[in-house]
């Protein structure tokens, strides 16, 4: 018998106690790395065929389709969870908003979020399978470059809150128009749980199209963020500084002032997204706003470094 403490699909990052799932992609076949994964301490491997270089006594779970096995594992983890799940998509700002939401909710309960940009047909079920049983909040990023992708991921994650940060002409090479991109992003509403909510960018020209798509899926609670007067979380004013920003906003009409510890107007807008999602979750908005002062920049996404030089240093 064996028991796994984690799940991995990459033999390079396997840690002791992981269950290794051998996926077959267009440019690789995970079955080639089963022996490596087991040598690094994987407790067992999920395979669709026994690799020739693996001892016949090795702990293998043979299934017809390892991709389906990964999805089923993620589906089972979602089914056992009592966490309030948020799914985030959008042309830009997905990862930053997801990480900021993880940060601000972390003060309010055990919070889990997908790592990095694990947002595709491998990353979402993998992230779900890693979610602790006792998580209070779960945040998952959903990505796409073709229509139909987000709907499948949303049905897997079954979010209570679906966030679309914005719609822009990203991945336009795969779509006939920006309207088609908006429709693909709107697929996130397909898996929203009953009585769930949508969080939308009120300043985006596709707000009405997305709101209509949410209503068509039976979503009645629609919250918005932006500078427009009708936004649920509305930007009133902001002061942008070199390393931080101060923000005045209203949340359902109540004025709130807070600081964002990352510079740039885009982070001011991300903060509105986060507060709207927190409101949709019925979590503590004031606590979340206070926590925005402690955000840290992500690797490769605005993180600053000090470089020491012979005559001084530069940032």
C-alpha atoms as a PDB file:
ATOM      1  CA  UNK A   1       0.000   0.000   0.000  1.00  0.00           C
ATOM      2  CA  UNK A   2       1.049   3.619  -0.463  1.00  0.00           C
ATOM      3  CA  UNK A   3      -0.128   7.069   0.502  1.00  0.00           C
ATOM      4  CA  UNK A   4       0.630  10.308  -1.318  1.00  0.00           C
ATOM      5  CA  UNK A   5       1.164  13.707   0.285  1.00  0.00           C
ATOM      6  CA  UNK A   6       1.262  15.725  -2.947  1.00  0.00           C
ATOM      7  CA  UNK A   7       0.744  15.555  -6.704  1.00  0.00           C
ATOM      8  CA  UNK A   8       3.208  16.281  -9.495  1.00  0.00           C
ATOM      9  CA  UNK A   9       3.235  16.114 -13.275  1.00  0.00           C
ATOM     10  CA  UNK A  10       6.879  17.214 -13.626  1.00  0.00           C
ATOM     11  CA  UNK A  11       9.631  14.795 -12.625  1.00  0.00           C
ATOM     12  CA  UNK A  12      12.052  17.730 -12.263  1.00  0.00           C
ATOM     13  CA  UNK A  13      10.102  19.124  -9.309  1.00  0.00           C
ATOM     14  CA  UNK A  14       8.959  15.915  -7.641  1.00  0.00           C
ATOM     15  CA  UNK A  15       9.389  15.843  -3.879  1.00  0.00           C
ATOM     16  CA  UNK A  16       9.282  12.867  -1.550  1.00  0.00           C
ATOM     17  CA  UNK A  17       5.742  11.619  -1.043  1.00  0.00           C
ATOM     18  CA  UNK A  18       4.322  12.961  -4.314  1.00  0.00           C
ATOM     19  CA  UNK A  19       2.038  11.030  -6.611  1.00  0.00           C
ATOM     20  CA  UNK A  20       3.522  11.410 -10.100  1.00  0.00           C
ATOM     21  CA  UNK A  21       1.074  11.493 -13.008  1.00  0.00           C
ATOM     22  CA  UNK A  22       2.645  10.635 -16.372  1.00  0.00           C
ATOM     23  CA  UNK A  23       0.930  12.906 -18.885  1.00  0.00           C
ATOM     24  CA  UNK A  24       1.473  12.624 -22.622  1.00  0.00           C
ATOM     25  CA  UNK A  25       1.771  15.992 -24.386  1.00  0.00           C
ATOM     26  CA  UNK A  26       2.474  17.013 -27.978  1.00  0.00           C
ATOM     27  CA  UNK A  27       6.214  17.359 -27.294  1.00  0.00           C
ATOM     28  CA  UNK A  28       6.819  14.949 -24.408  1.00  0.00           C
ATOM     29  CA  UNK A  29       5.608  11.768 -22.752  1.00  0.00           C
ATOM     30  CA  UNK A  30       5.722  11.627 -18.971  1.00  0.00           C
ATOM     31  CA  UNK A  31       6.092   7.856 -19.070  1.00  0.00           C
ATOM     32  CA  UNK A  32       9.733   8.433 -20.015  1.00  0.00           C
ATOM     33  CA  UNK A  33      10.319  10.078 -16.631  1.00  0.00           C
ATOM     34  CA  UNK A  34       8.490   7.712 -14.289  1.00  0.00           C
ATOM     35  CA  UNK A  35      11.726   6.043 -13.185  1.00  0.00           C
ATOM     36  CA  UNK A  36      13.260   9.457 -12.428  1.00  0.00           C
ATOM     37  CA  UNK A  37      10.207  10.508 -10.422  1.00  0.00           C
ATOM     38  CA  UNK A  38      10.263   7.321  -8.358  1.00  0.00           C
ATOM     39  CA  UNK A  39      14.008   7.710  -7.768  1.00  0.00           C
ATOM     40  CA  UNK A  40      13.373  11.218  -6.409  1.00  0.00           C
ATOM     41  CA  UNK A  41      10.916   9.888  -3.856  1.00  0.00           C
ATOM     42  CA  UNK A  42       7.556   9.782  -5.611  1.00  0.00           C
ATOM     43  CA  UNK A  43       5.414   7.387  -3.642  1.00  0.00           C
ATOM     44  CA  UNK A  44       3.690   6.034  -6.772  1.00  0.00           C
ATOM     45  CA  UNK A  45       2.988   6.886 -10.402  1.00  0.00           C
ATOM     46  CA  UNK A  46      -0.196   7.030 -12.462  1.00  0.00           C
ATOM     47  CA  UNK A  47       0.469   5.589 -15.926  1.00  0.00           C
ATOM     48  CA  UNK A  48      -1.449   4.304 -18.918  1.00  0.00           C
ATOM     49  CA  UNK A  49       1.241   1.722 -19.664  1.00  0.00           C
ATOM     50  CA  UNK A  50       4.144   0.244 -17.727  1.00  0.00           C
ATOM     51  CA  UNK A  51       7.432   1.922 -18.738  1.00  0.00           C
ATOM     52  CA  UNK A  52      10.109  -0.575 -19.693  1.00  0.00           C
ATOM     53  CA  UNK A  53      12.738   0.998 -17.425  1.00  0.00           C
ATOM     54  CA  UNK A  54      10.608   0.731 -14.269  1.00  0.00           C
ATOM     55  CA  UNK A  55      10.901  -2.206 -11.890  1.00  0.00           C
ATOM     56  CA  UNK A  56       7.858  -4.476 -12.094  1.00  0.00           C
ATOM     57  CA  UNK A  57       7.465  -4.148  -8.315  1.00  0.00           C
ATOM     58  CA  UNK A  58       7.197  -0.344  -8.535  1.00  0.00           C
ATOM     59  CA  UNK A  59       3.969   1.164  -7.193  1.00  0.00           C
ATOM     60  CA  UNK A  60       2.064   1.996 -10.370  1.00  0.00           C
ATOM     61  CA  UNK A  61      -1.602   2.843 -10.836  1.00  0.00           C
ATOM     62  CA  UNK A  62      -2.498   1.879 -14.404  1.00  0.00           C
ATOM     63  CA  UNK A  63      -5.409   3.799 -15.939  1.00  0.00           C
ATOM     64  CA  UNK A  64      -6.781   4.102 -19.489  1.00  0.00           C
ATOM     65  CA  UNK A  65      -6.051   7.842 -19.719  1.00  0.00           C
ATOM     66  CA  UNK A  66      -3.705   9.756 -17.399  1.00  0.00           C
ATOM     67  CA  UNK A  67      -5.147  13.155 -18.391  1.00  0.00           C
ATOM     68  CA  UNK A  68      -8.607  11.954 -17.387  1.00  0.00           C
ATOM     69  CA  UNK A  69      -7.139  10.559 -14.163  1.00  0.00           C
ATOM     70  CA  UNK A  70      -5.675  13.987 -13.338  1.00  0.00           C
ATOM     71  CA  UNK A  71      -9.017  15.651 -14.039  1.00  0.00           C
ATOM     72  CA  UNK A  72     -10.851  13.096 -11.907  1.00  0.00           C
ATOM     73  CA  UNK A  73      -8.402  13.695  -9.068  1.00  0.00           C
ATOM     74  CA  UNK A  74      -9.018  17.442  -9.285  1.00  0.00           C
ATOM     75  CA  UNK A  75     -12.765  16.855  -9.489  1.00  0.00           C
ATOM     76  CA  UNK A  76     -12.666  14.680  -6.368  1.00  0.00           C
ATOM     77  CA  UNK A  77     -10.650  17.289  -4.459  1.00  0.00           C
ATOM     78  CA  UNK A  78     -13.196  19.943  -5.433  1.00  0.00           C
ATOM     79  CA  UNK A  79     -16.093  17.716  -4.372  1.00  0.00           C
ATOM     80  CA  UNK A  80     -14.683  17.112  -0.886  1.00  0.00           C
ATOM     81  CA  UNK A  81     -13.822  20.780  -0.318  1.00  0.00           C
ATOM     82  CA  UNK A  82     -15.910  23.245   1.681  1.00  0.00           C
ATOM     83  CA  UNK A  83     -13.775  26.162   0.479  1.00  0.00           C
ATOM     84  CA  UNK A  84     -15.299  29.210  -1.173  1.00  0.00           C
ATOM     85  CA  UNK A  85     -13.803  29.031  -4.662  1.00  0.00           C
ATOM     86  CA  UNK A  86     -12.909  32.005  -6.843  1.00  0.00           C
ATOM     87  CA  UNK A  87     -11.891  31.616 -10.486  1.00  0.00           C
ATOM     88  CA  UNK A  88     -10.010  34.443 -12.222  1.00  0.00           C
ATOM     89  CA  UNK A  89      -9.561  35.028 -15.937  1.00  0.00           C
ATOM     90  CA  UNK A  90      -8.941  38.010 -18.197  1.00  0.00           C
ATOM     91  CA  UNK A  91      -6.653  39.248 -20.940  1.00  0.00           C
ATOM     92  CA  UNK A  92      -4.241  40.778 -18.400  1.00  0.00           C
ATOM     93  CA  UNK A  93      -3.973  40.885 -14.626  1.00  0.00           C
ATOM     94  CA  UNK A  94      -4.977  37.286 -13.917  1.00  0.00           C
ATOM     95  CA  UNK A  95      -1.929  36.169 -11.970  1.00  0.00           C
ATOM     96  CA  UNK A  96      -1.449  39.452 -10.114  1.00  0.00           C
ATOM     97  CA  UNK A  97      -5.086  39.594  -9.034  1.00  0.00           C
ATOM     98  CA  UNK A  98      -5.030  35.930  -8.044  1.00  0.00           C
ATOM     99  CA  UNK A  99      -1.934  36.384  -5.890  1.00  0.00           C
ATOM    100  CA  UNK A 100      -3.267  39.596  -4.329  1.00  0.00           C
ATOM    101  CA  UNK A 101      -6.550  37.871  -3.514  1.00  0.00           C
ATOM    102  CA  UNK A 102      -4.629  35.017  -1.919  1.00  0.00           C
ATOM    103  CA  UNK A 103      -2.684  37.540   0.156  1.00  0.00           C
ATOM    104  CA  UNK A 104      -5.657  39.498   1.467  1.00  0.00           C
ATOM    105  CA  UNK A 105      -7.788  36.426   2.208  1.00  0.00           C
ATOM    106  CA  UNK A 106      -4.883  34.716   3.971  1.00  0.00           C
ATOM    107  CA  UNK A 107      -5.589  36.862   7.027  1.00  0.00           C
ATOM    108  CA  UNK A 108      -9.186  35.646   7.105  1.00  0.00           C
ATOM    109  CA  UNK A 109      -8.751  31.889   6.847  1.00  0.00           C
ATOM    110  CA  UNK A 110      -6.702  29.064   5.360  1.00  0.00           C
ATOM    111  CA  UNK A 111      -6.292  30.157   1.745  1.00  0.00           C
ATOM    112  CA  UNK A 112      -4.992  28.139  -1.191  1.00  0.00           C
ATOM    113  CA  UNK A 113      -4.197  29.425  -4.675  1.00  0.00           C
ATOM    114  CA  UNK A 114      -2.834  27.839  -7.827  1.00  0.00           C
ATOM    115  CA  UNK A 115       0.921  28.278  -8.166  1.00  0.00           C
ATOM    116  CA  UNK A 116       2.306  30.652 -10.781  1.00  0.00           C
ATOM    117  CA  UNK A 117       0.357  30.453 -14.026  1.00  0.00           C
ATOM    118  CA  UNK A 118      -0.970  26.903 -13.726  1.00  0.00           C
ATOM    119  CA  UNK A 119      -4.104  27.866 -15.624  1.00  0.00           C
ATOM    120  CA  UNK A 120      -4.602  25.353 -18.432  1.00  0.00           C
ATOM    121  CA  UNK A 121      -6.040  21.830 -18.842  1.00  0.00           C
ATOM    122  CA  UNK A 122      -3.083  20.456 -16.877  1.00  0.00           C
ATOM    123  CA  UNK A 123      -2.608  23.241 -14.370  1.00  0.00           C
ATOM    124  CA  UNK A 124      -6.186  23.666 -13.135  1.00  0.00           C
ATOM    125  CA  UNK A 125      -6.884  20.011 -12.231  1.00  0.00           C
ATOM    126  CA  UNK A 126      -3.371  19.747 -10.779  1.00  0.00           C
ATOM    127  CA  UNK A 127      -3.998  22.800  -8.604  1.00  0.00           C
ATOM    128  CA  UNK A 128      -7.392  21.495  -7.498  1.00  0.00           C
ATOM    129  CA  UNK A 129      -5.825  18.166  -6.537  1.00  0.00           C
ATOM    130  CA  UNK A 130      -3.315  20.015  -4.344  1.00  0.00           C
ATOM    131  CA  UNK A 131      -5.927  22.043  -2.455  1.00  0.00           C
ATOM    132  CA  UNK A 132      -5.932  21.110   1.241  1.00  0.00           C
ATOM    133  CA  UNK A 133      -9.100  19.546   2.597  1.00  0.00           C
ATOM    134  CA  UNK A 134      -9.424  22.278   5.250  1.00  0.00           C
ATOM    135  CA  UNK A 135      -8.987  25.310   2.960  1.00  0.00           C
ATOM    136  CA  UNK A 136     -11.495  28.088   3.612  1.00  0.00           C
ATOM    137  CA  UNK A 137     -10.777  29.914   0.360  1.00  0.00           C
ATOM    138  CA  UNK A 138      -9.456  28.643  -2.961  1.00  0.00           C
ATOM    139  CA  UNK A 139      -8.364  30.858  -5.857  1.00  0.00           C
ATOM    140  CA  UNK A 140      -7.709  29.455  -9.316  1.00  0.00           C
ATOM    141  CA  UNK A 141      -6.509  31.134 -12.484  1.00  0.00           C
ATOM    142  CA  UNK A 142      -8.155  30.049 -15.747  1.00  0.00           C
ATOM    143  CA  UNK A 143      -6.406  30.750 -19.038  1.00  0.00           C
ATOM    144  CA  UNK A 144      -7.143  30.094 -22.688  1.00  0.00           C
ATOM    145  CA  UNK A 145      -6.119  30.729 -26.254  1.00  0.00           C
ATOM    146  CA  UNK A 146      -9.025  28.934 -27.942  1.00  0.00           C
ATOM    147  CA  UNK A 147     -12.758  28.943 -27.413  1.00  0.00           C
ATOM    148  CA  UNK A 148     -14.106  26.124 -25.264  1.00  0.00           C
ATOM    149  CA  UNK A 149     -11.094  25.936 -22.950  1.00  0.00           C
ATOM    150  CA  UNK A 150     -12.383  28.107 -20.138  1.00  0.00           C
ATOM    151  CA  UNK A 151     -15.803  26.435 -20.032  1.00  0.00           C
ATOM    152  CA  UNK A 152     -14.215  23.042 -19.344  1.00  0.00           C
ATOM    153  CA  UNK A 153     -11.969  24.515 -16.652  1.00  0.00           C
ATOM    154  CA  UNK A 154     -14.838  26.395 -15.011  1.00  0.00           C
ATOM    155  CA  UNK A 155     -16.977  23.260 -14.850  1.00  0.00           C
ATOM    156  CA  UNK A 156     -14.055  21.539 -13.161  1.00  0.00           C
ATOM    157  CA  UNK A 157     -13.398  24.317 -10.614  1.00  0.00           C
ATOM    158  CA  UNK A 158     -17.084  25.132  -9.971  1.00  0.00           C
ATOM    159  CA  UNK A 159     -16.402  28.619  -8.554  1.00  0.00           C
ATOM    160  CA  UNK A 160     -18.699  30.584  -6.295  1.00  0.00           C
ATOM    161  CA  UNK A 161     -17.171  33.776  -7.699  1.00  0.00           C
ATOM    162  CA  UNK A 162     -16.027  34.260 -11.292  1.00  0.00           C
ATOM    163  CA  UNK A 163     -13.739  37.239 -11.989  1.00  0.00           C
ATOM    164  CA  UNK A 164     -12.939  38.681 -15.430  1.00  0.00           C
ATOM    165  CA  UNK A 165     -10.219  41.296 -15.006  1.00  0.00           C
ATOM    166  CA  UNK A 166     -10.552  42.791 -18.500  1.00  0.00           C
ATOM    167  CA  UNK A 167     -10.987  41.925 -22.169  1.00  0.00           C
ATOM    168  CA  UNK A 168      -8.275  43.085 -24.577  1.00  0.00           C
ATOM    169  CA  UNK A 169      -6.983  41.940 -27.998  1.00  0.00           C
ATOM    170  CA  UNK A 170      -4.706  39.254 -26.525  1.00  0.00           C
ATOM    171  CA  UNK A 171      -4.598  35.931 -28.425  1.00  0.00           C
ATOM    172  CA  UNK A 172      -6.254  37.724 -31.335  1.00  0.00           C
ATOM    173  CA  UNK A 173      -4.442  35.362 -33.662  1.00  0.00           C
ATOM    174  CA  UNK A 174      -6.744  32.579 -32.468  1.00  0.00           C
ATOM    175  CA  UNK A 175      -9.992  34.598 -32.634  1.00  0.00           C
ATOM    176  CA  UNK A 176     -11.787  36.506 -35.396  1.00  0.00           C
ATOM    177  CA  UNK A 177     -12.494  39.548 -33.188  1.00  0.00           C
ATOM    178  CA  UNK A 178     -12.161  41.015 -29.701  1.00  0.00           C
ATOM    179  CA  UNK A 179     -15.880  40.284 -29.272  1.00  0.00           C
ATOM    180  CA  UNK A 180     -15.065  36.606 -29.725  1.00  0.00           C
ATOM    181  CA  UNK A 181     -12.390  36.912 -27.030  1.00  0.00           C
ATOM    182  CA  UNK A 182     -14.996  38.410 -24.699  1.00  0.00           C
ATOM    183  CA  UNK A 183     -17.320  35.499 -25.406  1.00  0.00           C
ATOM    184  CA  UNK A 184     -14.528  33.040 -24.677  1.00  0.00           C
ATOM    185  CA  UNK A 185     -13.776  34.767 -21.366  1.00  0.00           C
ATOM    186  CA  UNK A 186     -17.500  34.617 -20.546  1.00  0.00           C
ATOM    187  CA  UNK A 187     -17.256  30.827 -20.592  1.00  0.00           C
ATOM    188  CA  UNK A 188     -16.058  31.173 -16.996  1.00  0.00           C
ATOM    189  CA  UNK A 189     -19.713  31.556 -16.005  1.00  0.00           C
ATOM    190  CA  UNK A 190     -20.514  28.010 -17.173  1.00  0.00           C
ATOM    191  CA  UNK A 191     -19.395  26.337 -13.955  1.00  0.00           C
ATOM    192  CA  UNK A 192     -20.450  28.964 -11.400  1.00  0.00           C
ATOM    193  CA  UNK A 193     -22.276  27.420  -8.475  1.00  0.00           C
ATOM    194  CA  UNK A 194     -25.938  28.284  -7.787  1.00  0.00           C
ATOM    195  CA  UNK A 195     -26.267  31.679  -6.083  1.00  0.00           C
ATOM    196  CA  UNK A 196     -22.722  32.510  -7.215  1.00  0.00           C
ATOM    197  CA  UNK A 197     -21.473  35.885  -8.408  1.00  0.00           C
ATOM    198  CA  UNK A 198     -19.657  37.501 -11.315  1.00  0.00           C
ATOM    199  CA  UNK A 199     -17.060  40.266 -10.851  1.00  0.00           C
ATOM    200  CA  UNK A 200     -16.568  42.428 -13.943  1.00  0.00           C
ATOM    201  CA  UNK A 201     -14.590  45.457 -15.086  1.00  0.00           C
ATOM    202  CA  UNK A 202     -17.132  48.291 -15.343  1.00  0.00           C
ATOM    203  CA  UNK A 203     -14.731  50.421 -17.389  1.00  0.00           C
ATOM    204  CA  UNK A 204     -14.241  47.778 -20.087  1.00  0.00           C
ATOM    205  CA  UNK A 205     -16.279  48.300 -23.276  1.00  0.00           C
ATOM    206  CA  UNK A 206     -17.437  44.676 -23.097  1.00  0.00           C
ATOM    207  CA  UNK A 207     -18.966  44.992 -19.638  1.00  0.00           C
ATOM    208  CA  UNK A 208     -22.529  44.825 -20.968  1.00  0.00           C
ATOM    209  CA  UNK A 209     -21.771  41.819 -23.145  1.00  0.00           C
ATOM    210  CA  UNK A 210     -20.191  39.971 -20.210  1.00  0.00           C
ATOM    211  CA  UNK A 211     -22.986  40.911 -17.797  1.00  0.00           C
ATOM    212  CA  UNK A 212     -25.561  39.612 -20.281  1.00  0.00           C
ATOM    213  CA  UNK A 213     -23.585  36.374 -20.620  1.00  0.00           C
ATOM    214  CA  UNK A 214     -23.512  35.980 -16.839  1.00  0.00           C
ATOM    215  CA  UNK A 215     -27.271  36.493 -16.580  1.00  0.00           C
ATOM    216  CA  UNK A 216     -27.814  33.991 -19.376  1.00  0.00           C
ATOM    217  CA  UNK A 217     -26.041  31.428 -17.191  1.00  0.00           C
ATOM    218  CA  UNK A 218     -28.390  32.204 -14.307  1.00  0.00           C
ATOM    219  CA  UNK A 219     -26.024  34.478 -12.376  1.00  0.00           C
ATOM    220  CA  UNK A 220     -27.966  37.240 -10.663  1.00  0.00           C
ATOM    221  CA  UNK A 221     -25.247  38.711  -8.451  1.00  0.00           C
ATOM    222  CA  UNK A 222     -23.017  40.886 -10.617  1.00  0.00           C
ATOM    223  CA  UNK A 223     -20.437  43.123  -8.944  1.00  0.00           C
ATOM    224  CA  UNK A 224     -18.240  45.549 -10.829  1.00  0.00           C
ATOM    225  CA  UNK A 225     -15.088  47.593 -10.310  1.00  0.00           C
ATOM    226  CA  UNK A 226     -13.670  50.664 -11.993  1.00  0.00           C
ATOM    227  CA  UNK A 227     -13.953  54.447 -12.150  1.00  0.00           C
ATOM    228  CA  UNK A 228     -17.484  54.652 -13.534  1.00  0.00           C
ATOM    229  CA  UNK A 229     -20.092  55.961 -11.104  1.00  0.00           C
ATOM    230  CA  UNK A 230     -22.120  52.738 -11.316  1.00  0.00           C
ATOM    231  CA  UNK A 231     -19.230  50.467 -10.240  1.00  0.00           C
ATOM    232  CA  UNK A 232     -19.785  48.429  -7.079  1.00  0.00           C
ATOM    233  CA  UNK A 233     -16.184  49.164  -6.098  1.00  0.00           C
ATOM    234  CA  UNK A 234     -15.507  52.609  -7.505  1.00  0.00           C
ATOM    235  CA  UNK A 235     -12.226  54.481  -7.735  1.00  0.00           C
ATOM    236  CA  UNK A 236     -12.615  58.015  -6.405  1.00  0.00           C
ATOM    237  CA  UNK A 237      -8.978  59.135  -6.336  1.00  0.00           C
ATOM    238  CA  UNK A 238      -5.441  57.793  -6.180  1.00  0.00           C
ATOM    239  CA  UNK A 239      -1.965  59.179  -5.615  1.00  0.00           C
ATOM    240  CA  UNK A 240       0.749  57.296  -7.457  1.00  0.00           C
ATOM    241  CA  UNK A 241       4.229  57.242  -5.905  1.00  0.00           C
ATOM    242  CA  UNK A 242       7.491  55.537  -6.794  1.00  0.00           C
ATOM    243  CA  UNK A 243       6.934  52.472  -4.607  1.00  0.00           C
ATOM    244  CA  UNK A 244       3.317  52.675  -3.488  1.00  0.00           C
ATOM    245  CA  UNK A 245      -0.096  54.184  -4.179  1.00  0.00           C
ATOM    246  CA  UNK A 246      -2.785  55.586  -1.918  1.00  0.00           C
ATOM    247  CA  UNK A 247      -6.366  54.978  -2.938  1.00  0.00           C
ATOM    248  CA  UNK A 248      -9.764  56.367  -2.084  1.00  0.00           C
ATOM    249  CA  UNK A 249     -12.652  54.214  -3.282  1.00  0.00           C
ATOM    250  CA  UNK A 250     -16.239  53.400  -2.443  1.00  0.00           C
ATOM    251  CA  UNK A 251     -17.533  49.888  -1.851  1.00  0.00           C
ATOM    252  CA  UNK A 252     -21.311  49.790  -2.342  1.00  0.00           C
ATOM    253  CA  UNK A 253     -21.310  53.479  -1.513  1.00  0.00           C
ATOM    254  CA  UNK A 254     -19.129  53.307   1.602  1.00  0.00           C
ATOM    255  CA  UNK A 255     -15.881  55.272   1.369  1.00  0.00           C
ATOM    256  CA  UNK A 256     -12.674  53.384   2.054  1.00  0.00           C
ATOM    257  CA  UNK A 257      -9.061  54.583   2.016  1.00  0.00           C
ATOM    258  CA  UNK A 258      -6.062  52.284   1.749  1.00  0.00           C
ATOM    259  CA  UNK A 259      -2.528  51.883   0.423  1.00  0.00           C
ATOM    260  CA  UNK A 260      -1.234  49.499  -2.225  1.00  0.00           C
ATOM    261  CA  UNK A 261       2.403  48.575  -1.685  1.00  0.00           C
ATOM    262  CA  UNK A 262       3.082  48.161  -5.427  1.00  0.00           C
ATOM    263  CA  UNK A 263       3.431  51.137  -7.776  1.00  0.00           C
ATOM    264  CA  UNK A 264       1.395  51.932 -10.869  1.00  0.00           C
ATOM    265  CA  UNK A 265      -2.202  52.656 -11.779  1.00  0.00           C
ATOM    266  CA  UNK A 266      -2.601  49.073 -12.983  1.00  0.00           C
ATOM    267  CA  UNK A 267      -2.103  47.916  -9.385  1.00  0.00           C
ATOM    268  CA  UNK A 268      -4.691  50.430  -8.232  1.00  0.00           C
ATOM    269  CA  UNK A 269      -7.139  48.811 -10.657  1.00  0.00           C
ATOM    270  CA  UNK A 270      -6.046  45.322  -9.542  1.00  0.00           C
ATOM    271  CA  UNK A 271      -6.826  46.361  -5.964  1.00  0.00           C
ATOM    272  CA  UNK A 272     -10.377  47.267  -6.989  1.00  0.00           C
ATOM    273  CA  UNK A 273     -10.731  43.846  -8.615  1.00  0.00           C
ATOM    274  CA  UNK A 274      -9.593  42.190  -5.403  1.00  0.00           C
ATOM    275  CA  UNK A 275     -11.945  44.165  -3.166  1.00  0.00           C
ATOM    276  CA  UNK A 276     -14.879  43.409  -5.468  1.00  0.00           C
ATOM    277  CA  UNK A 277     -14.068  39.699  -5.283  1.00  0.00           C
ATOM    278  CA  UNK A 278     -13.769  39.877  -1.486  1.00  0.00           C
ATOM    279  CA  UNK A 279     -17.172  41.587  -1.376  1.00  0.00           C
ATOM    280  CA  UNK A 280     -18.634  38.882  -3.621  1.00  0.00           C
ATOM    281  CA  UNK A 281     -17.291  36.236  -1.219  1.00  0.00           C
ATOM    282  CA  UNK A 282     -18.943  38.039   1.722  1.00  0.00           C
ATOM    283  CA  UNK A 283     -15.510  38.267   3.351  1.00  0.00           C
ATOM    284  CA  UNK A 284     -14.141  41.235   5.316  1.00  0.00           C
ATOM    285  CA  UNK A 285     -13.481  44.097   2.880  1.00  0.00           C
ATOM    286  CA  UNK A 286     -11.859  46.411   5.456  1.00  0.00           C
ATOM    287  CA  UNK A 287      -9.382  43.713   6.482  1.00  0.00           C
ATOM    288  CA  UNK A 288      -8.621  43.004   2.822  1.00  0.00           C
ATOM    289  CA  UNK A 289      -8.023  46.690   2.096  1.00  0.00           C
ATOM    290  CA  UNK A 290      -5.616  46.952   5.025  1.00  0.00           C
ATOM    291  CA  UNK A 291      -3.732  43.888   3.776  1.00  0.00           C
ATOM    292  CA  UNK A 292      -3.094  45.500   0.372  1.00  0.00           C
ATOM    293  CA  UNK A 293      -0.381  47.566   2.051  1.00  0.00           C
ATOM    294  CA  UNK A 294       1.654  44.373   2.435  1.00  0.00           C
ATOM    295  CA  UNK A 295       1.632  43.076  -1.139  1.00  0.00           C
ATOM    296  CA  UNK A 296       4.912  41.862  -2.614  1.00  0.00           C
ATOM    297  CA  UNK A 297       5.782  41.985  -6.313  1.00  0.00           C
ATOM    298  CA  UNK A 298       5.970  38.687  -8.165  1.00  0.00           C
ATOM    299  CA  UNK A 299       9.072  37.353  -9.899  1.00  0.00           C
ATOM    300  CA  UNK A 300       9.176  38.789 -13.419  1.00  0.00           C
ATOM    301  CA  UNK A 301       6.126  40.974 -12.731  1.00  0.00           C
ATOM    302  CA  UNK A 302       7.478  44.230 -11.354  1.00  0.00           C
ATOM    303  CA  UNK A 303       9.759  42.876  -8.643  1.00  0.00           C
ATOM    304  CA  UNK A 304      12.616  45.320  -8.021  1.00  0.00           C
ATOM    305  CA  UNK A 305      16.225  44.353  -7.411  1.00  0.00           C
ATOM    306  CA  UNK A 306      19.144  46.353  -6.030  1.00  0.00           C
ATOM    307  CA  UNK A 307      22.352  45.864  -7.989  1.00  0.00           C
ATOM    308  CA  UNK A 308      25.577  46.829  -6.271  1.00  0.00           C
ATOM    309  CA  UNK A 309      28.070  48.652  -8.490  1.00  0.00           C
ATOM    310  CA  UNK A 310      31.656  49.820  -7.786  1.00  0.00           C
ATOM    311  CA  UNK A 311      30.480  53.414  -7.348  1.00  0.00           C
ATOM    312  CA  UNK A 312      27.124  52.763  -5.737  1.00  0.00           C
ATOM    313  CA  UNK A 313      23.971  50.804  -6.445  1.00  0.00           C
ATOM    314  CA  UNK A 314      21.038  50.944  -8.809  1.00  0.00           C
ATOM    315  CA  UNK A 315      17.446  49.697  -8.513  1.00  0.00           C
END
